[in-house]
Amino acid sequence: MKIKRYKKRVERTILPILFFTLCLLTSCMQKGKNTGNSMPTKDMVKGSIRLHPDTSLNDEAKFVAGISVSNKSKELKRFTHSPFWREHQQNMNRIWNLYQQTSPKLTSFAQNELEDINQECGFAFYPFSGPDFLFVNALFPKMRTYLLVGLEKLGEPIKIKNPSTDTYKLYENAVSGIFNLSFFSTEDMHSKNSNDTISGVIPIIQLLMVRSGKNIVSIKYKKLTATGVIVEGSKQDNLVEIKFYKQGSSLLQTLYYLSRNLENKSFQSHSGLRNLLKRNQSHQIVCFTKSASYLMHNDTFSNIRSFILNTSNAIVQDDSGIPWSYISPLSWNFTLYGDYHSPIREYADYEQDDLEEAYQKADSRILNFRIGFNRQSNLQVIVHKK
């Protein structure tokens, strides 16, 4: 009897241990099958993915943005002890505070007025953008992909070697317009001192990303094939890919900037851009334009205008975007925000009587932030009828 009881006791003890060990081995083997060199390096934290920022890319951007850098970047850390950098930090904080007065209003607008677009769309197309990552991300914060297109060249990621007061002033001037006026002046991206230059849009986008609480994972030059597929490329291919994520988030987002003229001849010859947008129609495209110099009011930009109307699920623009006469009420629902006023003097020829009439007839909603050229801003949210 004692022997039988002992056997039963052993079985009750050993069998659960064997079962647990077998499960553990099976789990480890399964993980081994799913892990390989082709997979990105990721750590699991409470069921979410921990993304790995590139320390160098982020610290170089933080340095010119007036933000303290990590201890890993010893040379940059040494530069931050300079009284000139500390003055730059104060200047950048003052400039950034101008945008901070607008930022909560943009966030509120995105949550209250663009909620459906942000839920349904996953791809934001921003033609005539320059390096303006700030506004498109603020209004459409959770897009998987952003595609910015402008004339400005790509340039190279920030690499600080011998910073001077000219360097600091250059970056301060380059971003003060977007923080204060909501648009860039590309003339501010250059300096008389040839040793202190901003090589293109990449440094500005880096600065805006770290200032707005993003971590940069990678910056790579890419190439857009004729079929609309993005592959490895070089600087000469005029396409850059920046992967990033918001601090505290596990959503990896991708920004592409394409340096390209969107005039008819150039746009038609670039089948890759057209096919890329067509490929992403299933992801629901929102097209965003502001301060677009009324280019699509001209016949020389009629092709990009038609293409946006034919491929977009939604359009968010000020009056410098697509002329109101092309927004058919048979195909589009729309909501008007702010007030329509005549364009500023430089664009006086692009006054739109039909848009003014639409504002007079519609019960337009309040727009409590400045966007575009005019102080009396306007915005149209246009959604394709299903």
Protein backbone atom coordinates (compact mmCIF):
# COMPACT_ATOMS: atom_id res chain seq x y z
CA MET A 1 0.00 0.00 0.00
CA LYS A 2 2.81 2.40 0.84
CA ILE A 3 4.55 1.62 -2.48
CA LYS A 4 1.36 2.32 -4.46
CA ARG A 5 0.82 5.61 -2.66
CA TYR A 6 4.43 6.59 -3.31
CA LYS A 7 4.06 5.83 -7.04
CA LYS A 8 0.93 7.97 -7.27
CA ARG A 9 2.66 10.81 -5.44
CA VAL A 10 5.61 10.67 -7.87
CA GLU A 11 3.29 10.64 -10.86
CA ARG A 12 1.42 13.70 -9.56
CA THR A 13 4.74 15.52 -9.14
CA ILE A 14 6.71 14.44 -12.22
CA LEU A 15 4.01 14.48 -14.92
CA PRO A 16 3.13 18.20 -14.62
CA ILE A 17 6.84 19.04 -14.69
CA LEU A 18 7.34 16.96 -17.84
CA PHE A 19 4.31 18.57 -19.47
CA PHE A 20 5.52 22.09 -18.63
CA THR A 21 9.02 21.27 -19.95
CA LEU A 22 7.59 19.89 -23.19
CA CYS A 23 5.49 23.04 -23.71
CA LEU A 24 8.49 25.26 -23.02
CA LEU A 25 10.66 23.37 -25.52
CA THR A 26 7.93 23.53 -28.15
CA SER A 27 7.55 27.29 -27.61
CA CYS A 28 11.31 27.83 -27.94
CA MET A 29 11.45 25.74 -31.11
CA GLN A 30 8.57 27.72 -32.56
CA LYS A 31 10.29 31.01 -31.75
CA GLY A 32 13.42 29.71 -33.40
CA LYS A 33 11.48 29.01 -36.58
CA ASN A 34 10.03 32.52 -36.61
CA THR A 35 13.30 34.30 -35.94
CA GLY A 36 15.96 34.88 -38.57
CA ASN A 37 18.31 37.40 -40.11
CA SER A 38 15.56 38.66 -42.41
CA MET A 39 13.47 39.87 -39.47
CA PRO A 40 14.02 43.35 -37.98
CA THR A 41 15.42 43.53 -34.46
CA LYS A 42 12.47 43.97 -32.11
CA ASP A 43 11.91 43.56 -28.38
CA MET A 44 8.56 42.57 -26.97
CA VAL A 45 7.40 44.82 -24.13
CA LYS A 46 4.06 43.90 -22.56
CA GLY A 47 2.86 42.56 -25.90
CA SER A 48 3.89 45.62 -27.93
CA ILE A 49 6.89 46.18 -30.20
CA ARG A 50 9.76 48.33 -28.99
CA LEU A 51 11.23 50.26 -31.90
CA HIS A 52 14.89 51.20 -31.99
CA PRO A 53 15.77 54.83 -32.82
CA ASP A 54 19.05 55.71 -34.50
CA THR A 55 20.98 57.62 -31.81
CA SER A 56 23.16 59.53 -34.25
CA LEU A 57 20.31 60.67 -36.52
CA ASN A 58 18.26 61.81 -33.54
CA ASP A 59 21.06 63.55 -31.64
CA GLU A 60 22.30 65.45 -34.71
CA ALA A 61 18.72 66.68 -35.23
CA LYS A 62 18.23 67.49 -31.55
CA PHE A 63 21.44 69.52 -31.54
CA VAL A 64 20.24 71.92 -34.28
CA ALA A 65 16.73 71.86 -32.80
CA GLY A 66 18.06 73.17 -29.48
CA ILE A 67 17.29 69.98 -27.55
CA SER A 68 19.72 68.26 -25.20
CA VAL A 69 21.47 65.26 -26.75
CA SER A 70 22.26 61.87 -25.22
CA ASN A 71 25.52 61.10 -23.44
CA LYS A 72 26.38 58.66 -26.25
CA SER A 73 27.10 61.59 -28.59
CA LYS A 74 30.13 62.84 -26.69
CA GLU A 75 31.29 65.43 -29.25
CA LEU A 76 27.83 66.95 -29.62
CA LYS A 77 27.44 66.92 -25.85
CA ARG A 78 30.64 68.93 -25.59
CA PHE A 79 29.34 71.50 -28.09
CA THR A 80 26.17 71.99 -26.02
CA HIS A 81 28.27 73.47 -23.19
CA SER A 82 29.09 76.42 -25.44
CA PRO A 83 27.33 79.70 -24.59
CA PHE A 84 26.54 80.06 -28.32
CA TRP A 85 24.62 76.78 -28.39
CA ARG A 86 22.78 77.70 -25.19
CA GLU A 87 21.71 80.95 -26.80
CA HIS A 88 20.60 78.92 -29.83
CA GLN A 89 18.60 76.67 -27.51
CA GLN A 90 16.81 79.68 -26.07
CA ASN A 91 16.09 81.01 -29.56
CA MET A 92 14.76 77.67 -30.78
CA ASN A 93 12.57 77.32 -27.69
CA ARG A 94 11.16 80.80 -28.33
CA ILE A 95 10.50 79.99 -32.00
CA TRP A 96 8.96 76.61 -31.13
CA ASN A 97 6.65 78.26 -28.61
CA LEU A 98 5.07 80.16 -31.50
CA TYR A 99 4.01 76.86 -33.01
CA GLN A 100 2.96 75.52 -29.62
CA GLN A 101 0.24 78.17 -29.57
CA THR A 102 -1.20 76.56 -32.72
CA SER A 103 -0.40 72.90 -32.09
CA PRO A 104 -3.26 72.12 -29.62
CA LYS A 105 -5.71 73.73 -32.06
CA LEU A 106 -4.46 71.50 -34.89
CA THR A 107 -4.78 68.45 -32.65
CA SER A 108 -8.31 69.41 -31.67
CA PHE A 109 -9.26 70.02 -35.30
CA ALA A 110 -7.86 66.63 -36.32
CA GLN A 111 -9.79 64.86 -33.56
CA ASN A 112 -13.09 66.68 -34.01
CA GLU A 113 -13.26 67.46 -37.73
CA LEU A 114 -11.00 64.90 -39.42
CA GLU A 115 -11.81 61.84 -37.31
CA ASP A 116 -13.47 59.88 -40.12
CA ILE A 117 -10.66 60.66 -42.57
CA ASN A 118 -8.03 59.66 -40.03
CA GLN A 119 -9.80 56.37 -39.34
CA GLU A 120 -10.46 55.44 -42.95
CA CYS A 121 -7.30 56.69 -44.69
CA GLY A 122 -3.80 55.32 -44.29
CA PHE A 123 -1.88 57.28 -46.93
CA ALA A 124 -1.37 61.07 -46.95
CA PHE A 125 -0.27 62.72 -50.20
CA TYR A 126 1.07 66.27 -49.86
CA PRO A 127 2.01 67.88 -53.20
CA PHE A 128 3.90 71.21 -53.27
CA SER A 129 4.88 70.50 -49.66
CA GLY A 130 8.51 71.48 -49.33
CA PRO A 131 9.82 70.05 -46.02
CA ASP A 132 6.56 70.69 -44.15
CA PHE A 133 6.23 67.50 -42.13
CA LEU A 134 4.75 69.42 -39.23
CA PHE A 135 1.25 70.30 -40.47
CA VAL A 136 0.51 67.10 -42.38
CA ASN A 137 1.49 65.03 -39.34
CA ALA A 138 -0.46 67.22 -36.92
CA LEU A 139 -3.67 66.94 -38.97
CA PHE A 140 -3.19 63.29 -39.95
CA PRO A 141 -1.14 61.88 -37.05
CA LYS A 142 -1.58 58.13 -37.54
CA MET A 143 -1.01 57.68 -41.25
CA ARG A 144 1.09 54.65 -42.08
CA THR A 145 2.63 56.50 -45.02
CA TYR A 146 3.22 60.14 -45.95
CA LEU A 147 4.31 61.16 -49.44
CA LEU A 148 5.60 64.73 -49.75
CA VAL A 149 6.51 66.13 -53.16
CA GLY A 150 8.30 69.41 -53.82
CA LEU A 151 10.93 71.10 -55.92
CA GLU A 152 13.47 71.31 -53.09
CA LYS A 153 16.33 68.81 -53.34
CA LEU A 154 16.82 66.01 -50.81
CA GLY A 155 20.13 66.99 -49.29
CA GLU A 156 21.78 64.78 -46.67
CA PRO A 157 21.13 63.90 -43.03
CA ILE A 158 22.52 66.42 -40.53
CA LYS A 159 26.18 65.99 -39.67
CA ILE A 160 27.58 68.58 -37.28
CA LYS A 161 31.34 69.13 -37.52
CA ASN A 162 32.30 72.68 -36.58
CA PRO A 163 29.12 74.53 -35.56
CA SER A 164 29.20 78.32 -35.59
CA THR A 165 26.78 81.10 -34.80
CA ASP A 166 25.99 81.15 -38.53
CA THR A 167 24.98 77.50 -38.31
CA TYR A 168 22.57 78.20 -35.48
CA LYS A 169 21.10 81.28 -37.16
CA LEU A 170 20.60 79.32 -40.36
CA TYR A 171 18.40 76.71 -38.67
CA GLU A 172 16.54 79.33 -36.68
CA ASN A 173 15.66 81.24 -39.85
CA ALA A 174 14.77 78.08 -41.75
CA VAL A 175 12.01 77.01 -39.36
CA SER A 176 10.74 80.33 -37.99
CA GLY A 177 8.37 80.73 -40.96
CA ILE A 178 6.64 77.38 -40.54
CA PHE A 179 6.29 77.90 -36.79
CA ASN A 180 4.92 81.42 -37.12
CA LEU A 181 3.27 81.65 -40.56
CA SER A 182 2.51 77.98 -41.35
CA PHE A 183 4.66 77.94 -44.51
CA PHE A 184 8.33 77.88 -45.49
CA SER A 185 10.46 80.45 -47.23
CA THR A 186 13.05 78.39 -49.10
CA GLU A 187 15.36 81.41 -49.23
CA ASP A 188 15.87 80.98 -45.49
CA MET A 189 17.50 77.60 -46.07
CA HIS A 190 20.71 79.17 -47.38
CA SER A 191 23.55 81.15 -45.84
CA LYS A 192 26.20 83.47 -47.20
CA ASN A 193 28.76 81.35 -45.40
CA SER A 194 29.47 78.32 -47.60
CA ASN A 195 30.48 76.29 -44.54
CA ASP A 196 27.03 76.70 -43.01
CA THR A 197 24.37 75.38 -45.36
CA ILE A 198 21.27 73.27 -45.19
CA SER A 199 21.79 70.80 -47.99
CA GLY A 200 18.09 70.17 -48.68
CA VAL A 201 14.85 69.12 -47.01
CA ILE A 202 16.18 66.16 -45.00
CA PRO A 203 17.77 68.27 -42.22
CA ILE A 204 14.58 70.35 -41.84
CA ILE A 205 12.37 67.27 -41.67
CA GLN A 206 14.73 65.75 -39.07
CA LEU A 207 14.52 68.90 -36.96
CA LEU A 208 10.71 69.03 -37.17
CA MET A 209 10.42 65.37 -36.25
CA VAL A 210 12.50 65.53 -33.07
CA ARG A 211 10.92 68.83 -32.03
CA SER A 212 7.47 67.28 -32.33
CA GLY A 213 8.38 64.26 -30.20
CA LYS A 214 9.27 61.72 -32.88
CA ASN A 215 12.12 59.21 -32.87
CA ILE A 216 13.87 58.61 -36.18
CA VAL A 217 14.62 54.96 -36.94
CA SER A 218 16.31 55.28 -40.34
CA ILE A 219 16.93 57.57 -43.31
CA LYS A 220 17.57 55.87 -46.65
CA TYR A 221 17.75 56.98 -50.27
CA LYS A 222 15.27 55.10 -52.44
CA LYS A 223 14.27 54.77 -56.07
CA LEU A 224 10.77 54.83 -57.54
CA THR A 225 10.41 52.41 -60.45
CA ALA A 226 8.14 53.05 -63.42
CA THR A 227 5.63 50.59 -61.98
CA GLY A 228 5.37 52.52 -58.72
CA VAL A 229 7.49 50.17 -56.61
CA ILE A 230 9.97 51.68 -54.14
CA VAL A 231 13.39 49.98 -54.15
CA GLU A 232 16.89 50.71 -52.88
CA GLY A 233 18.39 53.76 -54.54
CA SER A 234 20.85 56.62 -54.28
CA LYS A 235 20.70 60.35 -53.69
CA GLN A 236 20.47 60.90 -57.46
CA ASP A 237 17.11 59.11 -57.55
CA ASN A 238 15.49 62.08 -55.74
CA LEU A 239 13.56 59.96 -53.23
CA VAL A 240 14.23 59.58 -49.52
CA GLU A 241 12.56 57.31 -46.98
CA ILE A 242 12.41 58.29 -43.31
CA LYS A 243 11.04 55.78 -40.83
CA PHE A 244 9.97 57.15 -37.46
CA TYR A 245 7.58 56.72 -34.57
CA LYS A 246 6.03 58.90 -31.91
CA GLN A 247 7.61 58.62 -28.48
CA GLY A 248 5.59 56.15 -26.44
CA SER A 249 3.99 54.58 -29.51
CA SER A 250 4.66 51.27 -31.25
CA LEU A 251 3.34 52.47 -34.63
CA LEU A 252 6.18 52.61 -37.15
CA GLN A 253 5.41 55.28 -39.76
CA THR A 254 7.11 56.08 -43.05
CA LEU A 255 7.63 59.43 -44.74
CA TYR A 256 8.75 59.65 -48.35
CA TYR A 257 9.93 62.89 -49.88
CA LEU A 258 10.17 63.03 -53.68
CA SER A 259 11.95 65.94 -55.32
CA ARG A 260 9.90 66.42 -58.45
CA ASN A 261 8.36 69.09 -60.64
CA LEU A 262 4.61 68.43 -60.89
CA GLU A 263 4.08 70.52 -64.01
CA ASN A 264 2.23 68.63 -66.77
CA LYS A 265 5.20 67.52 -68.86
CA SER A 266 7.21 66.35 -65.86
CA PHE A 267 4.23 64.70 -64.17
CA GLN A 268 3.23 62.78 -67.28
CA SER A 269 6.78 61.55 -67.84
CA HIS A 270 6.99 60.21 -64.29
CA SER A 271 4.80 57.12 -64.45
CA GLY A 272 6.30 55.90 -61.16
CA LEU A 273 4.57 58.59 -59.11
CA ARG A 274 1.21 57.97 -60.77
CA ASN A 275 1.51 54.21 -60.30
CA LEU A 276 2.62 54.59 -56.68
CA LEU A 277 -0.52 56.55 -55.89
CA LYS A 278 -2.68 54.06 -57.78
CA ARG A 279 -1.12 51.22 -55.80
CA ASN A 280 -2.11 52.96 -52.56
CA GLN A 281 -5.72 53.71 -53.48
CA SER A 282 -6.77 50.63 -51.52
CA HIS A 283 -5.23 52.24 -48.43
CA GLN A 284 -7.51 55.26 -48.89
CA ILE A 285 -5.62 58.42 -49.90
CA VAL A 286 -6.12 61.83 -48.33
CA CYS A 287 -4.58 64.68 -50.32
CA PHE A 288 -3.49 67.71 -48.31
CA THR A 289 -2.48 71.05 -49.85
CA LYS A 290 -1.85 74.48 -48.40
CA SER A 291 0.19 77.50 -49.46
CA ALA A 292 0.37 75.83 -52.88
CA SER A 293 0.92 79.11 -54.77
CA TYR A 294 -2.32 78.51 -56.72
CA LEU A 295 -0.36 76.32 -59.14
CA MET A 296 -3.28 73.98 -59.84
CA HIS A 297 -5.31 76.99 -60.98
CA ASN A 298 -3.14 76.99 -64.10
CA ASP A 299 -3.52 74.72 -67.13
CA THR A 300 0.17 73.81 -66.84
CA PHE A 301 -0.73 71.82 -63.70
CA SER A 302 -3.99 70.35 -64.97
CA ASN A 303 -2.71 66.75 -64.95
CA ILE A 304 -1.81 66.60 -61.27
CA ARG A 305 -5.08 68.38 -60.50
CA SER A 306 -7.11 65.75 -62.39
CA PHE A 307 -5.10 62.92 -60.92
CA ILE A 308 -5.79 64.07 -57.35
CA LEU A 309 -9.51 64.30 -58.09
CA ASN A 310 -9.52 60.80 -59.60
CA THR A 311 -7.49 58.99 -56.92
CA SER A 312 -8.21 60.70 -53.61
CA ASN A 313 -10.80 59.58 -51.09
CA ALA A 314 -10.56 62.94 -49.37
CA ILE A 315 -9.01 66.36 -50.01
CA VAL A 316 -8.13 68.85 -47.30
CA GLN A 317 -6.95 72.19 -48.69
CA ASP A 318 -6.97 75.95 -48.49
CA ASP A 319 -8.02 78.11 -51.43
CA SER A 320 -4.55 77.84 -53.04
CA GLY A 321 -5.20 74.18 -53.89
CA ILE A 322 -7.64 72.84 -56.48
CA PRO A 323 -10.00 75.57 -57.80
CA TRP A 324 -13.49 75.30 -56.34
CA SER A 325 -15.03 75.05 -59.82
CA TYR A 326 -13.60 71.51 -60.12
CA ILE A 327 -15.28 70.26 -56.92
CA SER A 328 -18.55 68.82 -58.22
CA PRO A 329 -21.32 68.45 -55.58
CA LEU A 330 -22.41 65.33 -57.48
CA SER A 331 -19.17 63.57 -56.56
CA TRP A 332 -18.06 65.26 -53.34
CA ASN A 333 -19.38 66.17 -49.93
CA PHE A 334 -17.69 69.17 -48.38
CA THR A 335 -17.45 71.22 -45.20
CA LEU A 336 -16.10 74.77 -45.20
CA TYR A 337 -14.03 76.27 -42.39
CA GLY A 338 -12.94 79.82 -41.66
CA ASP A 339 -13.65 82.70 -44.02
CA TYR A 340 -12.82 83.24 -47.65
CA HIS A 341 -11.04 86.48 -48.50
CA SER A 342 -9.30 87.66 -51.64
CA PRO A 343 -5.79 86.17 -52.02
CA ILE A 344 -2.79 88.22 -50.92
CA ARG A 345 -1.45 90.73 -53.42
CA GLU A 346 1.06 88.33 -55.05
CA TYR A 347 -1.84 86.05 -56.06
CA ALA A 348 -4.58 88.59 -56.66
CA ASP A 349 -5.37 87.06 -60.08
CA TYR A 350 -6.63 83.87 -58.43
CA GLU A 351 -9.72 85.22 -56.73
CA GLN A 352 -12.58 82.68 -56.77
CA ASP A 353 -16.06 84.13 -56.95
CA ASP A 354 -17.65 80.68 -56.77
CA LEU A 355 -15.77 79.81 -53.58
CA GLU A 356 -16.76 83.15 -52.06
CA GLU A 357 -20.37 82.39 -52.96
CA ALA A 358 -20.11 78.92 -51.43
CA TYR A 359 -18.92 80.47 -48.16
CA GLN A 360 -21.76 82.97 -48.22
CA LYS A 361 -24.35 80.21 -48.71
CA ALA A 362 -22.83 77.59 -46.41
CA ASP A 363 -22.85 77.63 -42.65
CA SER A 364 -19.06 77.58 -42.43
CA ARG A 365 -17.42 76.39 -39.24
CA ILE A 366 -14.92 78.25 -37.10
CA LEU A 367 -11.23 77.89 -37.93
CA ASN A 368 -9.23 79.06 -34.92
CA PHE A 369 -5.71 78.74 -36.33
CA ARG A 370 -3.78 80.26 -39.18
CA ILE A 371 -3.05 78.12 -42.21
CA GLY A 372 -1.90 79.26 -45.65
CA PHE A 373 -0.95 82.71 -46.91
CA ASN A 374 -3.86 84.74 -45.58
CA ARG A 375 -4.23 85.79 -41.96
CA GLN A 376 -7.97 85.25 -42.43
CA SER A 377 -7.54 81.56 -43.14
CA ASN A 378 -9.86 79.12 -44.87
CA LEU A 379 -9.93 75.36 -45.20
CA GLN A 380 -12.12 72.98 -47.19
CA VAL A 381 -12.60 69.36 -46.15
CA ILE A 382 -13.81 67.47 -49.20
CA VAL A 383 -14.83 63.79 -49.08
CA HIS A 384 -15.66 61.62 -52.09
CA LYS A 385 -19.19 60.27 -52.12
CA LYS A 386 -19.39 56.47 -51.82
